PDB file of N, CA and C in Angstrom:
ATOM      1  N   MET A   1       0.822 -88.483  44.031  1.00  0.00           N
ATOM      2  CA  MET A   1       0.886 -87.052  43.547  1.00  0.00           C
ATOM      3  C   MET A   1       0.256 -86.175  44.806  1.00  0.00           C
ATOM      4  N   ASN A   2       1.194 -85.083  45.227  1.00  0.00           N
ATOM      5  CA  ASN A   2       1.796 -84.360  46.126  1.00  0.00           C
ATOM      6  C   ASN A   2       0.544 -83.184  45.717  1.00  0.00           C
ATOM      7  N   VAL A   3      -0.244 -83.213  46.705  1.00  0.00           N
ATOM      8  CA  VAL A   3      -1.211 -81.791  46.890  1.00  0.00           C
ATOM      9  C   VAL A   3      -0.788 -81.398  47.746  1.00  0.00           C
ATOM     10  N   ASP A   4      -0.812 -80.157  47.545  1.00  0.00           N
ATOM     11  CA  ASP A   4      -0.573 -78.532  49.168  1.00  0.00           C
ATOM     12  C   ASP A   4      -1.988 -78.794  49.248  1.00  0.00           C
ATOM     13  N   THR A   5      -2.233 -79.198  50.879  1.00  0.00           N
ATOM     14  CA  THR A   5      -4.010 -79.072  51.211  1.00  0.00           C
ATOM     15  C   THR A   5      -4.367 -77.880  51.847  1.00  0.00           C
ATOM     16  N   ASP A   6      -2.908 -77.231  52.177  1.00  0.00           N
ATOM     17  CA  ASP A   6      -3.166 -75.548  52.639  1.00  0.00           C
ATOM     18  C   ASP A   6      -3.299 -74.835  51.569  1.00  0.00           C
ATOM     19  N   LYS A   7      -3.473 -75.164  50.173  1.00  0.00           N
ATOM     20  CA  LYS A   7      -3.808 -74.766  49.247  1.00  0.00           C
ATOM     21  C   LYS A   7      -4.866 -73.818  49.093  1.00  0.00           C
ATOM     22  N   LEU A   8      -5.000 -72.561  48.794  1.00  0.00           N
ATOM     23  CA  LEU A   8      -6.355 -71.686  48.606  1.00  0.00           C
ATOM     24  C   LEU A   8      -7.054 -72.002  47.210  1.00  0.00           C
ATOM     25  N   VAL A   9      -8.365 -72.246  47.212  1.00  0.00           N
ATOM     26  CA  VAL A   9      -8.992 -72.191  45.804  1.00  0.00           C
ATOM     27  C   VAL A   9     -10.344 -71.638  45.858  1.00  0.00           C
ATOM     28  N   ASP A  10     -10.499 -70.593  44.675  1.00  0.00           N
ATOM     29  CA  ASP A  10     -11.812 -69.394  44.621  1.00  0.00           C
ATOM     30  C   ASP A  10     -13.027 -70.742  44.714  1.00  0.00           C
ATOM     31  N   ALA A  11     -14.172 -69.903  44.678  1.00  0.00           N
ATOM     32  CA  ALA A  11     -15.617 -70.672  44.653  1.00  0.00           C
ATOM     33  C   ALA A  11     -15.674 -71.793  43.315  1.00  0.00           C
ATOM     34  N   ASN A  12     -14.998 -71.603  42.454  1.00  0.00           N
ATOM     35  CA  ASN A  12     -15.751 -72.052  41.359  1.00  0.00           C
ATOM     36  C   ASN A  12     -14.915 -72.662  40.991  1.00  0.00           C
ATOM     37  N   ALA A  13     -13.613 -73.079  41.954  1.00  0.00           N
ATOM     38  CA  ALA A  13     -12.684 -74.668  41.910  1.00  0.00           C
ATOM     39  C   ALA A  13     -12.754 -75.204  43.156  1.00  0.00           C
ATOM     40  N   ALA A  14     -13.776 -74.676  43.888  1.00  0.00           N
ATOM     41  CA  ALA A  14     -14.495 -75.495  45.184  1.00  0.00           C
ATOM     42  C   ALA A  14     -15.783 -76.553  44.615  1.00  0.00           C
ATOM     43  N   ALA A  15     -16.617 -75.758  43.571  1.00  0.00           N
ATOM     44  CA  ALA A  15     -17.659 -75.988  43.118  1.00  0.00           C
ATOM     45  C   ALA A  15     -17.453 -77.193  42.379  1.00  0.00           C
ATOM     46  N   GLU A  16     -16.444 -77.109  41.537  1.00  0.00           N
ATOM     47  CA  GLU A  16     -15.869 -78.070  40.718  1.00  0.00           C
ATOM     48  C   GLU A  16     -16.224 -79.254  41.577  1.00  0.00           C
ATOM     49  N   MET A  17     -14.738 -79.377  42.379  1.00  0.00           N
ATOM     50  CA  MET A  17     -14.348 -80.157  43.369  1.00  0.00           C
ATOM     51  C   MET A  17     -14.713 -80.797  43.842  1.00  0.00           C
ATOM     52  N   LEU A  18     -16.263 -80.154  44.509  1.00  0.00           N
ATOM     53  CA  LEU A  18     -17.203 -80.643  45.362  1.00  0.00           C
ATOM     54  C   LEU A  18     -18.427 -81.557  44.177  1.00  0.00           C
ATOM     55  N   ALA A  19     -18.399 -81.061  43.045  1.00  0.00           N
ATOM     56  CA  ALA A  19     -19.451 -81.220  41.905  1.00  0.00           C
ATOM     57  C   ALA A  19     -20.809 -80.193  42.588  1.00  0.00           C
ATOM     58  N   LEU A  20     -20.931 -79.287  42.684  1.00  0.00           N
ATOM     59  CA  LEU A  20     -21.945 -78.533  43.404  1.00  0.00           C
ATOM     60  C   LEU A  20     -21.861 -77.329  42.612  1.00  0.00           C
ATOM     61  N   LYS A  21     -22.798 -76.504  42.409  1.00  0.00           N
ATOM     62  CA  LYS A  21     -22.970 -75.384  41.652  1.00  0.00           C
ATOM     63  C   LYS A  21     -22.557 -73.897  42.783  1.00  0.00           C
ATOM     64  N   VAL A  22     -21.994 -72.838  41.907  1.00  0.00           N
ATOM     65  CA  VAL A  22     -20.942 -72.144  42.507  1.00  0.00           C
ATOM     66  C   VAL A  22     -22.030 -71.423  43.697  1.00  0.00           C
ATOM     67  N   SER A  23     -23.536 -71.207  43.466  1.00  0.00           N
ATOM     68  CA  SER A  23     -24.466 -70.549  44.596  1.00  0.00           C
ATOM     69  C   SER A  23     -24.406 -71.683  45.857  1.00  0.00           C
ATOM     70  N   THR A  24     -24.216 -72.703  45.351  1.00  0.00           N
ATOM     71  CA  THR A  24     -24.535 -73.730  46.305  1.00  0.00           C
ATOM     72  C   THR A  24     -23.372 -73.278  47.632  1.00  0.00           C
ATOM     73  N   ILE A  25     -21.837 -73.161  46.681  1.00  0.00           N
ATOM     74  CA  ILE A  25     -20.959 -73.368  47.988  1.00  0.00           C
ATOM     75  C   ILE A  25     -20.962 -71.680  48.114  1.00  0.00           C
ATOM     76  N   ARG A  26     -21.587 -70.692  47.814  1.00  0.00           N
ATOM     77  CA  ARG A  26     -21.874 -69.280  48.319  1.00  0.00           C
ATOM     78  C   ARG A  26     -22.493 -69.767  49.519  1.00  0.00           C
ATOM     79  N   ARG A  27     -23.719 -70.395  49.416  1.00  0.00           N
ATOM     80  CA  ARG A  27     -25.275 -70.473  50.216  1.00  0.00           C
ATOM     81  C   ARG A  27     -24.254 -71.383  51.607  1.00  0.00           C
ATOM     82  N   LEU A  28     -23.352 -72.265  51.595  1.00  0.00           N
ATOM     83  CA  LEU A  28     -23.249 -73.058  52.330  1.00  0.00           C
ATOM     84  C   LEU A  28     -21.797 -71.631  53.531  1.00  0.00           C
ATOM     85  N   THR A  29     -21.404 -71.130  52.418  1.00  0.00           N
ATOM     86  CA  THR A  29     -20.395 -70.277  53.417  1.00  0.00           C
ATOM     87  C   THR A  29     -21.108 -69.219  54.647  1.00  0.00           C
ATOM     88  N   TYR A  30     -21.886 -68.906  53.489  1.00  0.00           N
ATOM     89  CA  TYR A  30     -23.018 -67.509  54.471  1.00  0.00           C
ATOM     90  C   TYR A  30     -23.234 -68.206  55.207  1.00  0.00           C
ATOM     91  N   GLU A  31     -24.235 -69.883  55.678  1.00  0.00           N
ATOM     92  CA  GLU A  31     -24.603 -70.744  56.856  1.00  0.00           C
ATOM     93  C   GLU A  31     -23.301 -70.898  57.368  1.00  0.00           C
ATOM     94  N   LYS A  32     -22.382 -70.690  56.968  1.00  0.00           N
ATOM     95  CA  LYS A  32     -20.938 -71.046  57.814  1.00  0.00           C
ATOM     96  C   LYS A  32     -21.316 -72.423  58.247  1.00  0.00           C
ATOM     97  N   ARG A  33     -21.518 -73.259  57.362  1.00  0.00           N
ATOM     98  CA  ARG A  33     -21.198 -74.945  57.024  1.00  0.00           C
ATOM     99  C   ARG A  33     -20.102 -75.173  56.215  1.00  0.00           C
ATOM    100  N   LEU A  34     -19.333 -73.962  55.783  1.00  0.00           N
ATOM    101  CA  LEU A  34     -18.117 -74.145  54.850  1.00  0.00           C
ATOM    102  C   LEU A  34     -16.858 -73.319  55.435  1.00  0.00           C
ATOM    103  N   PRO A  35     -16.190 -74.024  55.816  1.00  0.00           N
ATOM    104  CA  PRO A  35     -14.953 -72.510  56.435  1.00  0.00           C
ATOM    105  C   PRO A  35     -14.242 -72.288  55.256  1.00  0.00           C
ATOM    106  N   CYS A  36     -14.387 -71.035  55.201  1.00  0.00           N
ATOM    107  CA  CYS A  36     -13.603 -70.230  54.454  1.00  0.00           C
ATOM    108  C   CYS A  36     -12.624 -68.905  54.652  1.00  0.00           C
ATOM    109  N   VAL A  37     -11.997 -68.579  54.042  1.00  0.00           N
ATOM    110  CA  VAL A  37     -10.373 -67.666  54.635  1.00  0.00           C
ATOM    111  C   VAL A  37     -10.771 -65.989  53.449  1.00  0.00           C
ATOM    112  N   ARG A  38     -10.153 -65.035  54.307  1.00  0.00           N
ATOM    113  CA  ARG A  38     -10.721 -64.186  53.517  1.00  0.00           C
ATOM    114  C   ARG A  38      -9.237 -63.566  53.684  1.00  0.00           C
ATOM    115  N   PRO A  39      -8.800 -63.855  52.588  1.00  0.00           N
ATOM    116  CA  PRO A  39      -6.981 -63.038  52.805  1.00  0.00           C
ATOM    117  C   PRO A  39      -7.234 -61.706  52.638  1.00  0.00           C
ATOM    118  N   THR A  40      -7.871 -61.233  51.668  1.00  0.00           N
ATOM    119  CA  THR A  40      -7.709 -59.192  51.747  1.00  0.00           C
ATOM    120  C   THR A  40      -8.966 -58.774  52.250  1.00  0.00           C
ATOM    121  N   GLY A  41     -10.109 -59.397  52.918  1.00  0.00           N
ATOM    122  CA  GLY A  41     -11.209 -58.427  53.346  1.00  0.00           C
ATOM    123  C   GLY A  41     -11.927 -58.998  52.587  1.00  0.00           C
ATOM    124  N   ARG A  42     -13.249 -58.361  53.109  1.00  0.00           N
ATOM    125  CA  ARG A  42     -14.802 -58.654  53.180  1.00  0.00           C
ATOM    126  C   ARG A  42     -15.245 -60.351  51.754  1.00  0.00           C
ATOM    127  N   ARG A  43     -14.653 -59.462  50.556  1.00  0.00           N
ATOM    128  CA  ARG A  43     -15.213 -59.725  48.912  1.00  0.00           C
ATOM    129  C   ARG A  43     -14.438 -61.082  48.968  1.00  0.00           C
ATOM    130  N   CYS A  44     -12.990 -60.704  48.967  1.00  0.00           N
ATOM    131  CA  CYS A  44     -12.460 -61.886  48.432  1.00  0.00           C
ATOM    132  C   CYS A  44     -12.643 -63.064  49.394  1.00  0.00           C
ATOM    133  N   VAL A  45     -13.319 -64.269  48.903  1.00  0.00           N
ATOM    134  CA  VAL A  45     -13.508 -65.623  49.760  1.00  0.00           C
ATOM    135  C   VAL A  45     -12.728 -66.471  49.081  1.00  0.00           C
ATOM    136  N   ARG A  46     -11.447 -67.541  50.178  1.00  0.00           N
ATOM    137  CA  ARG A  46     -10.869 -68.943  49.421  1.00  0.00           C
ATOM    138  C   ARG A  46     -11.100 -69.846  49.957  1.00  0.00           C
ATOM    139  N   TYR A  47     -11.020 -71.261  49.605  1.00  0.00           N
ATOM    140  CA  TYR A  47     -11.098 -72.561  50.808  1.00  0.00           C
ATOM    141  C   TYR A  47     -10.460 -72.819  50.389  1.00  0.00           C
ATOM    142  N   ARG A  48      -9.587 -74.034  51.527  1.00  0.00           N
ATOM    143  CA  ARG A  48      -8.646 -74.468  51.819  1.00  0.00           C
ATOM    144  C   ARG A  48      -8.773 -76.123  51.312  1.00  0.00           C
ATOM    145  N   LEU A  49      -7.729 -76.349  50.919  1.00  0.00           N
ATOM    146  CA  LEU A  49      -8.667 -77.969  50.133  1.00  0.00           C
ATOM    147  C   LEU A  49      -8.875 -78.672  50.879  1.00  0.00           C
ATOM    148  N   LYS A  50      -7.972 -79.190  52.156  1.00  0.00           N
ATOM    149  CA  LYS A  50      -8.084 -79.870  53.398  1.00  0.00           C
ATOM    150  C   LYS A  50      -9.251 -79.302  53.748  1.00  0.00           C
ATOM    151  N   ASP A  51      -9.781 -77.807  54.026  1.00  0.00           N
ATOM    152  CA  ASP A  51     -11.375 -78.377  54.503  1.00  0.00           C
ATOM    153  C   ASP A  51     -12.879 -78.587  53.702  1.00  0.00           C
ATOM    154  N   LEU A  52     -12.103 -78.626  52.061  1.00  0.00           N
ATOM    155  CA  LEU A  52     -12.839 -79.249  51.178  1.00  0.00           C
ATOM    156  C   LEU A  52     -13.240 -80.989  51.445  1.00  0.00           C
ATOM    157  N   GLU A  53     -11.788 -81.338  51.434  1.00  0.00           N
ATOM    158  CA  GLU A  53     -11.313 -82.699  51.971  1.00  0.00           C
ATOM    159  C   GLU A  53     -12.473 -83.600  52.877  1.00  0.00           C
ATOM    160  N   ALA A  54     -11.922 -82.193  53.996  1.00  0.00           N
ATOM    161  CA  ALA A  54     -12.752 -82.628  54.901  1.00  0.00           C
ATOM    162  C   ALA A  54     -14.465 -82.912  55.045  1.00  0.00           C
ATOM    163  N   LEU A  55     -14.816 -81.778  54.407  1.00  0.00           N
ATOM    164  CA  LEU A  55     -16.524 -82.005  54.607  1.00  0.00           C
ATOM    165  C   LEU A  55     -16.745 -83.088  53.469  1.00  0.00           C
ATOM    166  N   ILE A  56     -16.567 -83.682  52.354  1.00  0.00           N
ATOM    167  CA  ILE A  56     -15.912 -84.847  51.428  1.00  0.00           C
ATOM    168  C   ILE A  56     -16.297 -86.138  51.889  1.00  0.00           C
ATOM    169  N   ARG A  57     -15.176 -85.994  53.292  1.00  0.00           N
ATOM    170  CA  ARG A  57     -15.094 -86.978  54.188  1.00  0.00           C
ATOM    171  C   ARG A  57     -16.131 -87.405  55.211  1.00  0.00           C
ATOM    172  N   GLU A  58     -16.712 -86.173  55.548  1.00  0.00           N
ATOM    173  CA  GLU A  58     -17.809 -85.697  56.514  1.00  0.00           C
ATOM    174  C   GLU A  58     -18.825 -86.689  56.204  1.00  0.00           C
ATOM    175  N   CYS A  59     -19.453 -86.148  54.534  1.00  0.00           N
ATOM    176  CA  CYS A  59     -20.350 -86.040  53.999  1.00  0.00           C
ATOM    177  C   CYS A  59     -20.878 -87.861  53.481  1.00  0.00           C
ATOM    178  N   HIS A  60     -19.683 -88.451  53.269  1.00  0.00           N
ATOM    179  CA  HIS A  60     -19.160 -89.694  52.667  1.00  0.00           C
ATOM    180  C   HIS A  60     -20.288 -90.459  53.318  1.00  0.00           C
ATOM    181  N   GLN A  61     -20.926 -91.618  52.642  1.00  0.00           N
ATOM    182  CA  GLN A  61     -22.014 -92.392  52.699  1.00  0.00           C
ATOM    183  C   GLN A  61     -21.233 -93.482  52.274  1.00  0.00           C
ATOM    184  N   PRO A  62     -21.108 -94.616  53.135  1.00  0.00           N
ATOM    185  CA  PRO A  62     -20.682 -95.994  52.185  1.00  0.00           C
ATOM    186  C   PRO A  62     -21.831 -96.824  51.563  1.00  0.00           C
ATOM    187  N   ALA A  63     -21.047 -97.296  50.437  1.00  0.00           N
ATOM    188  CA  ALA A  63     -22.352 -98.067  49.806  1.00  0.00           C
ATOM    189  C   ALA A  63     -22.645 -99.462  50.656  1.00  0.00           C
ATOM    190  N   ARG A  64     -24.332 -99.567  50.280  1.00  0.00           N
ATOM    191  CA  ARG A  64     -24.724-100.219  50.782  1.00  0.00           C
ATOM    192  C   ARG A  64     -24.564-101.938  50.108  1.00  0.00           C
ATOM    193  N   THR A  65     -24.746-102.998  50.869  1.00  0.00           N
ATOM    194  CA  THR A  65     -24.177-104.297  50.210  1.00  0.00           C
ATOM    195  C   THR A  65     -24.968-105.545  50.565  1.00  0.00           C
TER     196      THR A  65
END
């Protein structure tokens, strides 16, 4: 499956991908812990898939054996 990692998604899609609440996505954005793109100004917030995937890799903890 070829996924365009530069694709932009909204807060709802980001929350679904990360299994978080939309309010958590907005808080992480406000705290500048989650990079975002504002294509048309201040209110329109989008997230790059590659940034979401990087967050998943960064927070990944291997299972204990």
